[in-house]
C-alpha cells in the first residue's frame, strides 16, 4: 500500500514537473519565434544602414536622455515615498496606496490624455507660461515617462523596504544614530539590490514608453521622436524595415 502511494507521488511529481517545464518551454519558444521572424525579415546591410541613419540615431539619443532623466527623478521621489508607505502609519494610508496604483492599471494613452487636459487648465497654463513648456516639447516626454514609471518605482522600492527587518534600524538608533543617519547608513544600503532593480526596470520601461509620450509630446520627427515614436512613424509610412531596425 505504501509502495503504491509512493509510486503515485513520484508519478504526480513527474507530471507536475513536465507541465511546468512545458509551459516555460512554450513561452520561450513563442518569444524566440518573434525574434527569428524579425531577424529574417531584412538583411544585415539594410539593418545597419537603417540603424546608423540620422533619424534613428536622433531617436536613440533622445530616448536615452529622457529615460535616464525620468528614471533619476522617479527614483529620487520613489525612495522617500516608498519608505513612508512601508514604515509609517497615517490616516488614509490605504487610499494613498490605491492612488499610487493608478498609473500602473490605467492605459498610458489615458495618462497622456489626462496630462494634456491638465495643461489646458488655468494651473497647467500657468506652469507652461511661467515655468516651462511641456506640450509637444522634450520636457513633455520626460514628464510622460515619469508619470508612467513613478508608480512602478514606488512599488518596487516598497517591496524592498517591506523585506528589511526594522530591528536593524532600531539597533542603529540605540547606538546613537538619528532617524536620518540610520536610514542612510543602515536601511538604504540594505535596500541596494532593490534600488538597482527598481532603477533598471524603471529605465527600461521609460525607454519603451509610447502612449503617454505621443499623446502629450506628439510625434514630430527630429524633435519629440523617441525610439517607440520612430517605430510608430515608420509603420505609419509603411517603412517596415526601419520599424524592425
C-alpha atoms as a PDB file:
ATOM      1  CA  UNK A   1       0.000   0.000   0.000  1.00  0.00           C
ATOM      2  CA  UNK A   2       2.805   2.399   0.928  1.00  0.00           C
ATOM      3  CA  UNK A   3       4.706   1.467  -2.237  1.00  0.00           C
ATOM      4  CA  UNK A   4       1.595   2.257  -4.287  1.00  0.00           C
ATOM      5  CA  UNK A   5       1.249   5.677  -2.643  1.00  0.00           C
ATOM      6  CA  UNK A   6       4.948   6.353  -3.125  1.00  0.00           C
ATOM      7  CA  UNK A   7       4.615   5.469  -6.794  1.00  0.00           C
ATOM      8  CA  UNK A   8       1.627   7.777  -7.133  1.00  0.00           C
ATOM      9  CA  UNK A   9       3.603  10.628  -5.538  1.00  0.00           C
ATOM     10  CA  UNK A  10       6.526  10.053  -7.916  1.00  0.00           C
ATOM     11  CA  UNK A  11       4.200   9.963 -10.902  1.00  0.00           C
ATOM     12  CA  UNK A  12       2.430  13.114  -9.730  1.00  0.00           C
ATOM     13  CA  UNK A  13       5.745  14.916  -9.260  1.00  0.00           C
ATOM     14  CA  UNK A  14       6.845  13.863 -12.745  1.00  0.00           C
ATOM     15  CA  UNK A  15       3.624  15.140 -14.322  1.00  0.00           C
ATOM     16  CA  UNK A  16       3.846  18.412 -12.421  1.00  0.00           C
ATOM     17  CA  UNK A  17       7.477  18.942 -13.459  1.00  0.00           C
ATOM     18  CA  UNK A  18       6.644  18.137 -17.078  1.00  0.00           C
ATOM     19  CA  UNK A  19       3.745  20.606 -17.053  1.00  0.00           C
ATOM     20  CA  UNK A  20       5.788  23.464 -15.549  1.00  0.00           C
ATOM     21  CA  UNK A  21       8.797  22.912 -17.805  1.00  0.00           C
ATOM     22  CA  UNK A  22       6.474  22.551 -20.796  1.00  0.00           C
ATOM     23  CA  UNK A  23       4.816  25.908 -20.018  1.00  0.00           C
ATOM     24  CA  UNK A  24       8.246  27.559 -19.732  1.00  0.00           C
ATOM     25  CA  UNK A  25       9.440  25.990 -22.996  1.00  0.00           C
ATOM     26  CA  UNK A  26       6.273  27.101 -24.804  1.00  0.00           C
ATOM     27  CA  UNK A  27       6.693  30.684 -23.610  1.00  0.00           C
ATOM     28  CA  UNK A  28      10.372  30.795 -24.590  1.00  0.00           C
ATOM     29  CA  UNK A  29       9.573  29.246 -27.988  1.00  0.00           C
ATOM     30  CA  UNK A  30       6.941  31.927 -28.617  1.00  0.00           C
ATOM     31  CA  UNK A  31       9.382  34.795 -27.983  1.00  0.00           C
ATOM     32  CA  UNK A  32      12.158  33.080 -29.961  1.00  0.00           C
ATOM     33  CA  UNK A  33       9.778  32.816 -32.922  1.00  0.00           C
ATOM     34  CA  UNK A  34       9.109  36.560 -32.715  1.00  0.00           C
ATOM     35  CA  UNK A  35      12.830  37.372 -32.643  1.00  0.00           C
ATOM     36  CA  UNK A  36      13.618  34.993 -35.513  1.00  0.00           C
ATOM     37  CA  UNK A  37      10.837  36.466 -37.646  1.00  0.00           C
ATOM     38  CA  UNK A  38      12.303  39.948 -37.140  1.00  0.00           C
ATOM     39  CA  UNK A  39      15.870  38.791 -37.794  1.00  0.00           C
ATOM     40  CA  UNK A  40      14.982  37.027 -41.052  1.00  0.00           C
ATOM     41  CA  UNK A  41      12.760  39.790 -42.458  1.00  0.00           C
ATOM     42  CA  UNK A  42      15.628  42.008 -43.641  1.00  0.00           C
ATOM     43  CA  UNK A  43      19.317  41.627 -44.466  1.00  0.00           C
ATOM     44  CA  UNK A  44      22.232  42.769 -42.320  1.00  0.00           C
ATOM     45  CA  UNK A  45      23.301  45.550 -44.694  1.00  0.00           C
ATOM     46  CA  UNK A  46      19.902  47.194 -44.705  1.00  0.00           C
ATOM     47  CA  UNK A  47      19.650  46.758 -40.953  1.00  0.00           C
ATOM     48  CA  UNK A  48      22.929  48.560 -40.227  1.00  0.00           C
ATOM     49  CA  UNK A  49      22.221  51.274 -42.772  1.00  0.00           C
ATOM     50  CA  UNK A  50      18.915  51.981 -41.075  1.00  0.00           C
ATOM     51  CA  UNK A  51      20.346  51.864 -37.566  1.00  0.00           C
ATOM     52  CA  UNK A  52      23.052  54.364 -38.499  1.00  0.00           C
ATOM     53  CA  UNK A  53      20.648  56.780 -40.172  1.00  0.00           C
ATOM     54  CA  UNK A  54      20.368  60.282 -38.714  1.00  0.00           C
ATOM     55  CA  UNK A  55      16.733  59.773 -37.687  1.00  0.00           C
ATOM     56  CA  UNK A  56      17.342  56.553 -35.746  1.00  0.00           C
ATOM     57  CA  UNK A  57      20.456  57.960 -34.063  1.00  0.00           C
ATOM     58  CA  UNK A  58      18.461  61.038 -33.010  1.00  0.00           C
ATOM     59  CA  UNK A  59      15.648  58.853 -31.645  1.00  0.00           C
ATOM     60  CA  UNK A  60      18.147  56.670 -29.783  1.00  0.00           C
ATOM     61  CA  UNK A  61      19.918  59.652 -28.222  1.00  0.00           C
ATOM     62  CA  UNK A  62      16.640  61.316 -27.218  1.00  0.00           C
ATOM     63  CA  UNK A  63      15.295  58.069 -25.712  1.00  0.00           C
ATOM     64  CA  UNK A  64      18.429  57.522 -23.631  1.00  0.00           C
ATOM     65  CA  UNK A  65      18.485  61.109 -22.350  1.00  0.00           C
ATOM     66  CA  UNK A  66      14.787  61.367 -21.498  1.00  0.00           C
ATOM     67  CA  UNK A  67      14.534  57.866 -19.998  1.00  0.00           C
ATOM     68  CA  UNK A  68      17.575  58.482 -17.806  1.00  0.00           C
ATOM     69  CA  UNK A  69      16.235  61.843 -16.619  1.00  0.00           C
ATOM     70  CA  UNK A  70      12.777  60.385 -15.900  1.00  0.00           C
ATOM     71  CA  UNK A  71      14.306  57.437 -14.035  1.00  0.00           C
ATOM     72  CA  UNK A  72      16.507  59.630 -11.843  1.00  0.00           C
ATOM     73  CA  UNK A  73      13.546  61.819 -10.905  1.00  0.00           C
ATOM     74  CA  UNK A  74      11.370  58.764 -10.249  1.00  0.00           C
ATOM     75  CA  UNK A  75      13.937  57.033  -8.030  1.00  0.00           C
ATOM     76  CA  UNK A  76      14.643  60.209  -6.046  1.00  0.00           C
ATOM     77  CA  UNK A  77      10.923  60.559  -5.320  1.00  0.00           C
ATOM     78  CA  UNK A  78      10.196  56.820  -5.001  1.00  0.00           C
ATOM     79  CA  UNK A  79      12.700  56.187  -2.195  1.00  0.00           C
ATOM     80  CA  UNK A  80      11.125  58.500   0.422  1.00  0.00           C
ATOM     81  CA  UNK A  81       7.588  57.819  -0.818  1.00  0.00           C
ATOM     82  CA  UNK A  82       8.022  54.035  -0.634  1.00  0.00           C
ATOM     83  CA  UNK A  83       9.703  54.285   2.771  1.00  0.00           C
ATOM     84  CA  UNK A  84       6.813  56.371   4.092  1.00  0.00           C
ATOM     85  CA  UNK A  85       4.216  53.858   2.892  1.00  0.00           C
ATOM     86  CA  UNK A  86       6.221  50.907   4.179  1.00  0.00           C
ATOM     87  CA  UNK A  87       7.153  52.224   7.639  1.00  0.00           C
ATOM     88  CA  UNK A  88       4.654  54.937   8.537  1.00  0.00           C
ATOM     89  CA  UNK A  89       1.031  54.647   9.622  1.00  0.00           C
ATOM     90  CA  UNK A  90      -1.157  57.619   8.816  1.00  0.00           C
ATOM     91  CA  UNK A  91      -4.863  58.274   8.156  1.00  0.00           C
ATOM     92  CA  UNK A  92      -5.919  57.361   4.622  1.00  0.00           C
ATOM     93  CA  UNK A  93      -2.875  55.175   4.008  1.00  0.00           C
ATOM     94  CA  UNK A  94      -4.895  52.597   2.064  1.00  0.00           C
ATOM     95  CA  UNK A  95      -6.382  55.332  -0.120  1.00  0.00           C
ATOM     96  CA  UNK A  96      -2.928  56.743  -0.875  1.00  0.00           C
ATOM     97  CA  UNK A  97      -1.658  53.250  -1.619  1.00  0.00           C
ATOM     98  CA  UNK A  98      -4.524  52.739  -4.070  1.00  0.00           C
ATOM     99  CA  UNK A  99      -3.948  56.086  -5.793  1.00  0.00           C
ATOM    100  CA  UNK A 100      -0.331  55.126  -6.427  1.00  0.00           C
ATOM    101  CA  UNK A 101      -1.551  52.063  -8.324  1.00  0.00           C
ATOM    102  CA  UNK A 102      -3.462  54.175 -10.854  1.00  0.00           C
ATOM    103  CA  UNK A 103      -0.512  54.787 -13.238  1.00  0.00           C
ATOM    104  CA  UNK A 104       0.053  51.025 -13.328  1.00  0.00           C
ATOM    105  CA  UNK A 105      -3.510  49.988 -14.145  1.00  0.00           C
ATOM    106  CA  UNK A 106      -4.535  52.930 -16.338  1.00  0.00           C
ATOM    107  CA  UNK A 107      -3.641  52.914 -20.029  1.00  0.00           C
ATOM    108  CA  UNK A 108      -0.593  55.090 -20.856  1.00  0.00           C
ATOM    109  CA  UNK A 109      -2.659  56.836 -23.533  1.00  0.00           C
ATOM    110  CA  UNK A 110      -5.238  57.726 -20.896  1.00  0.00           C
ATOM    111  CA  UNK A 111      -2.450  59.088 -18.666  1.00  0.00           C
ATOM    112  CA  UNK A 112      -1.176  61.158 -21.570  1.00  0.00           C
ATOM    113  CA  UNK A 113      -4.674  62.482 -22.223  1.00  0.00           C
ATOM    114  CA  UNK A 114      -5.016  63.386 -18.536  1.00  0.00           C
ATOM    115  CA  UNK A 115      -1.722  65.299 -18.695  1.00  0.00           C
ATOM    116  CA  UNK A 116      -2.828  67.067 -21.852  1.00  0.00           C
ATOM    117  CA  UNK A 117      -6.123  68.079 -20.227  1.00  0.00           C
ATOM    118  CA  UNK A 118      -4.281  69.275 -17.107  1.00  0.00           C
ATOM    119  CA  UNK A 119      -2.164  71.661 -19.171  1.00  0.00           C
ATOM    120  CA  UNK A 120      -5.362  73.113 -20.619  1.00  0.00           C
ATOM    121  CA  UNK A 121      -6.481  74.176 -17.138  1.00  0.00           C
ATOM    122  CA  UNK A 122      -5.566  77.535 -15.618  1.00  0.00           C
ATOM    123  CA  UNK A 123      -2.946  75.917 -13.370  1.00  0.00           C
ATOM    124  CA  UNK A 124      -1.416  73.973 -16.243  1.00  0.00           C
ATOM    125  CA  UNK A 125      -1.344  77.014 -18.490  1.00  0.00           C
ATOM    126  CA  UNK A 126       0.349  78.981 -15.715  1.00  0.00           C
ATOM    127  CA  UNK A 127       3.042  76.304 -15.479  1.00  0.00           C
ATOM    128  CA  UNK A 128       3.511  76.357 -19.243  1.00  0.00           C
ATOM    129  CA  UNK A 129       3.779  80.139 -19.256  1.00  0.00           C
ATOM    130  CA  UNK A 130       5.947  80.769 -16.198  1.00  0.00           C
ATOM    131  CA  UNK A 131       7.921  77.520 -15.677  1.00  0.00           C
ATOM    132  CA  UNK A 132       8.474  75.532 -18.866  1.00  0.00           C
ATOM    133  CA  UNK A 133       6.545  74.181 -21.838  1.00  0.00           C
ATOM    134  CA  UNK A 134       5.588  70.514 -21.736  1.00  0.00           C
ATOM    135  CA  UNK A 135       3.016  70.075 -24.508  1.00  0.00           C
ATOM    136  CA  UNK A 136       4.701  68.962 -27.750  1.00  0.00           C
ATOM    137  CA  UNK A 137       8.154  69.523 -26.237  1.00  0.00           C
ATOM    138  CA  UNK A 138      11.003  67.295 -24.968  1.00  0.00           C
ATOM    139  CA  UNK A 139      10.102  68.200 -21.384  1.00  0.00           C
ATOM    140  CA  UNK A 140       6.721  66.603 -22.074  1.00  0.00           C
ATOM    141  CA  UNK A 141       8.478  63.327 -22.948  1.00  0.00           C
ATOM    142  CA  UNK A 142      10.245  63.287 -19.585  1.00  0.00           C
ATOM    143  CA  UNK A 143       7.021  64.147 -17.752  1.00  0.00           C
ATOM    144  CA  UNK A 144       5.073  61.434 -19.609  1.00  0.00           C
ATOM    145  CA  UNK A 145       7.747  58.821 -18.885  1.00  0.00           C
ATOM    146  CA  UNK A 146       7.916  59.882 -15.248  1.00  0.00           C
ATOM    147  CA  UNK A 147       4.129  59.633 -14.897  1.00  0.00           C
ATOM    148  CA  UNK A 148       4.168  56.080 -16.242  1.00  0.00           C
ATOM    149  CA  UNK A 149       7.168  54.733 -14.301  1.00  0.00           C
ATOM    150  CA  UNK A 150       6.944  56.539 -10.950  1.00  0.00           C
ATOM    151  CA  UNK A 151       4.349  54.150  -9.519  1.00  0.00           C
ATOM    152  CA  UNK A 152       6.420  51.168 -10.685  1.00  0.00           C
ATOM    153  CA  UNK A 153       9.485  52.548  -8.919  1.00  0.00           C
ATOM    154  CA  UNK A 154       7.484  53.158  -5.718  1.00  0.00           C
ATOM    155  CA  UNK A 155       6.029  49.635  -5.780  1.00  0.00           C
ATOM    156  CA  UNK A 156       9.441  48.014  -6.262  1.00  0.00           C
ATOM    157  CA  UNK A 157      11.047  50.106  -3.526  1.00  0.00           C
ATOM    158  CA  UNK A 158       8.144  49.471  -1.147  1.00  0.00           C
ATOM    159  CA  UNK A 159       8.580  45.703  -1.596  1.00  0.00           C
ATOM    160  CA  UNK A 160      12.262  46.141  -0.807  1.00  0.00           C
ATOM    161  CA  UNK A 161      11.643  48.182   2.343  1.00  0.00           C
ATOM    162  CA  UNK A 162       8.932  45.717   3.441  1.00  0.00           C
ATOM    163  CA  UNK A 163      11.539  42.944   3.330  1.00  0.00           C
ATOM    164  CA  UNK A 164      14.012  44.758   5.615  1.00  0.00           C
ATOM    165  CA  UNK A 165      13.694  43.917   9.296  1.00  0.00           C
ATOM    166  CA  UNK A 166      13.005  47.195  11.196  1.00  0.00           C
ATOM    167  CA  UNK A 167      15.113  45.893  14.074  1.00  0.00           C
ATOM    168  CA  UNK A 168      18.271  46.860  12.157  1.00  0.00           C
ATOM    169  CA  UNK A 169      17.199  50.481  12.214  1.00  0.00           C
ATOM    170  CA  UNK A 170      16.128  50.244  15.854  1.00  0.00           C
ATOM    171  CA  UNK A 171      19.558  48.894  16.834  1.00  0.00           C
ATOM    172  CA  UNK A 172      21.210  51.767  14.970  1.00  0.00           C
ATOM    173  CA  UNK A 173      19.034  54.225  16.891  1.00  0.00           C
ATOM    174  CA  UNK A 174      20.100  52.685  20.219  1.00  0.00           C
ATOM    175  CA  UNK A 175      23.744  53.135  19.159  1.00  0.00           C
ATOM    176  CA  UNK A 176      23.280  56.866  18.739  1.00  0.00           C
ATOM    177  CA  UNK A 177      22.135  57.259  15.138  1.00  0.00           C
ATOM    178  CA  UNK A 178      19.395  59.722  14.317  1.00  0.00           C
ATOM    179  CA  UNK A 179      16.441  58.654  12.184  1.00  0.00           C
ATOM    180  CA  UNK A 180      18.076  60.210   9.130  1.00  0.00           C
ATOM    181  CA  UNK A 181      21.520  58.704   9.684  1.00  0.00           C
ATOM    182  CA  UNK A 182      20.000  55.275  10.450  1.00  0.00           C
ATOM    183  CA  UNK A 183      18.131  55.424   7.157  1.00  0.00           C
ATOM    184  CA  UNK A 184      21.176  56.392   5.082  1.00  0.00           C
ATOM    185  CA  UNK A 185      23.718  54.217   6.913  1.00  0.00           C
ATOM    186  CA  UNK A 186      21.615  51.094   7.543  1.00  0.00           C
ATOM    187  CA  UNK A 187      18.298  50.871   5.701  1.00  0.00           C
ATOM    188  CA  UNK A 188      19.319  52.296   2.330  1.00  0.00           C
ATOM    189  CA  UNK A 189      22.462  50.105   1.995  1.00  0.00           C
ATOM    190  CA  UNK A 190      20.329  47.057   2.814  1.00  0.00           C
ATOM    191  CA  UNK A 191      17.935  48.139   0.063  1.00  0.00           C
ATOM    192  CA  UNK A 192      20.741  48.418  -2.508  1.00  0.00           C
ATOM    193  CA  UNK A 193      19.717  45.405  -4.614  1.00  0.00           C
ATOM    194  CA  UNK A 194      16.090  46.504  -4.714  1.00  0.00           C
ATOM    195  CA  UNK A 195      17.162  50.040  -5.599  1.00  0.00           C
ATOM    196  CA  UNK A 196      19.252  48.798  -8.522  1.00  0.00           C
ATOM    197  CA  UNK A 197      16.408  46.572  -9.736  1.00  0.00           C
ATOM    198  CA  UNK A 198      13.913  49.434  -9.475  1.00  0.00           C
ATOM    199  CA  UNK A 199      16.223  51.746 -11.424  1.00  0.00           C
ATOM    200  CA  UNK A 200      16.857  49.213 -14.200  1.00  0.00           C
ATOM    201  CA  UNK A 201      13.211  48.211 -14.635  1.00  0.00           C
ATOM    202  CA  UNK A 202      12.002  51.813 -14.474  1.00  0.00           C
ATOM    203  CA  UNK A 203      14.600  52.902 -17.032  1.00  0.00           C
ATOM    204  CA  UNK A 204      13.721  50.059 -19.388  1.00  0.00           C
ATOM    205  CA  UNK A 205      10.023  50.887 -19.075  1.00  0.00           C
ATOM    206  CA  UNK A 206      10.751  54.561 -19.763  1.00  0.00           C
ATOM    207  CA  UNK A 207      12.717  53.717 -22.914  1.00  0.00           C
ATOM    208  CA  UNK A 208       9.764  51.724 -24.238  1.00  0.00           C
ATOM    209  CA  UNK A 209       7.068  54.206 -23.217  1.00  0.00           C
ATOM    210  CA  UNK A 210       4.881  55.319 -26.128  1.00  0.00           C
ATOM    211  CA  UNK A 211       1.237  56.012 -25.288  1.00  0.00           C
ATOM    212  CA  UNK A 212       1.576  58.894 -22.822  1.00  0.00           C
ATOM    213  CA  UNK A 213       4.543  60.328 -24.737  1.00  0.00           C
ATOM    214  CA  UNK A 214       2.842  60.543 -28.122  1.00  0.00           C
ATOM    215  CA  UNK A 215      -0.314  61.961 -26.542  1.00  0.00           C
ATOM    216  CA  UNK A 216       1.431  64.737 -24.604  1.00  0.00           C
ATOM    217  CA  UNK A 217       4.594  65.439 -26.605  1.00  0.00           C
ATOM    218  CA  UNK A 218       3.400  64.419 -30.044  1.00  0.00           C
ATOM    219  CA  UNK A 219       5.276  62.523 -32.756  1.00  0.00           C
ATOM    220  CA  UNK A 220       7.394  65.127 -34.504  1.00  0.00           C
ATOM    221  CA  UNK A 221      10.452  63.824 -36.332  1.00  0.00           C
ATOM    222  CA  UNK A 222      13.818  65.108 -35.059  1.00  0.00           C
ATOM    223  CA  UNK A 223      12.056  66.849 -32.157  1.00  0.00           C
ATOM    224  CA  UNK A 224       9.998  64.521 -29.964  1.00  0.00           C
ATOM    225  CA  UNK A 225      10.912  61.308 -31.782  1.00  0.00           C
ATOM    226  CA  UNK A 226      11.901  58.652 -29.274  1.00  0.00           C
ATOM    227  CA  UNK A 227      12.542  55.065 -30.348  1.00  0.00           C
ATOM    228  CA  UNK A 228       8.908  53.922 -29.880  1.00  0.00           C
ATOM    229  CA  UNK A 229       7.721  57.010 -31.756  1.00  0.00           C
ATOM    230  CA  UNK A 230      10.222  56.226 -34.535  1.00  0.00           C
ATOM    231  CA  UNK A 231       8.696  52.747 -34.841  1.00  0.00           C
ATOM    232  CA  UNK A 232       5.221  54.293 -34.996  1.00  0.00           C
ATOM    233  CA  UNK A 233       6.238  56.806 -37.673  1.00  0.00           C
ATOM    234  CA  UNK A 234       7.984  54.115 -39.712  1.00  0.00           C
ATOM    235  CA  UNK A 235       4.945  51.853 -39.657  1.00  0.00           C
ATOM    236  CA  UNK A 236       2.688  54.821 -40.488  1.00  0.00           C
ATOM    237  CA  UNK A 237       4.725  55.410 -43.666  1.00  0.00           C
ATOM    238  CA  UNK A 238       4.913  51.680 -44.466  1.00  0.00           C
ATOM    239  CA  UNK A 239       8.689  51.644 -43.865  1.00  0.00           C
ATOM    240  CA  UNK A 240       8.663  48.241 -42.219  1.00  0.00           C
ATOM    241  CA  UNK A 241      12.437  47.680 -42.405  1.00  0.00           C
ATOM    242  CA  UNK A 242      13.096  50.877 -40.431  1.00  0.00           C
ATOM    243  CA  UNK A 243      10.498  49.817 -37.858  1.00  0.00           C
ATOM    244  CA  UNK A 244      12.200  46.415 -37.478  1.00  0.00           C
ATOM    245  CA  UNK A 245      15.625  48.040 -37.108  1.00  0.00           C
END
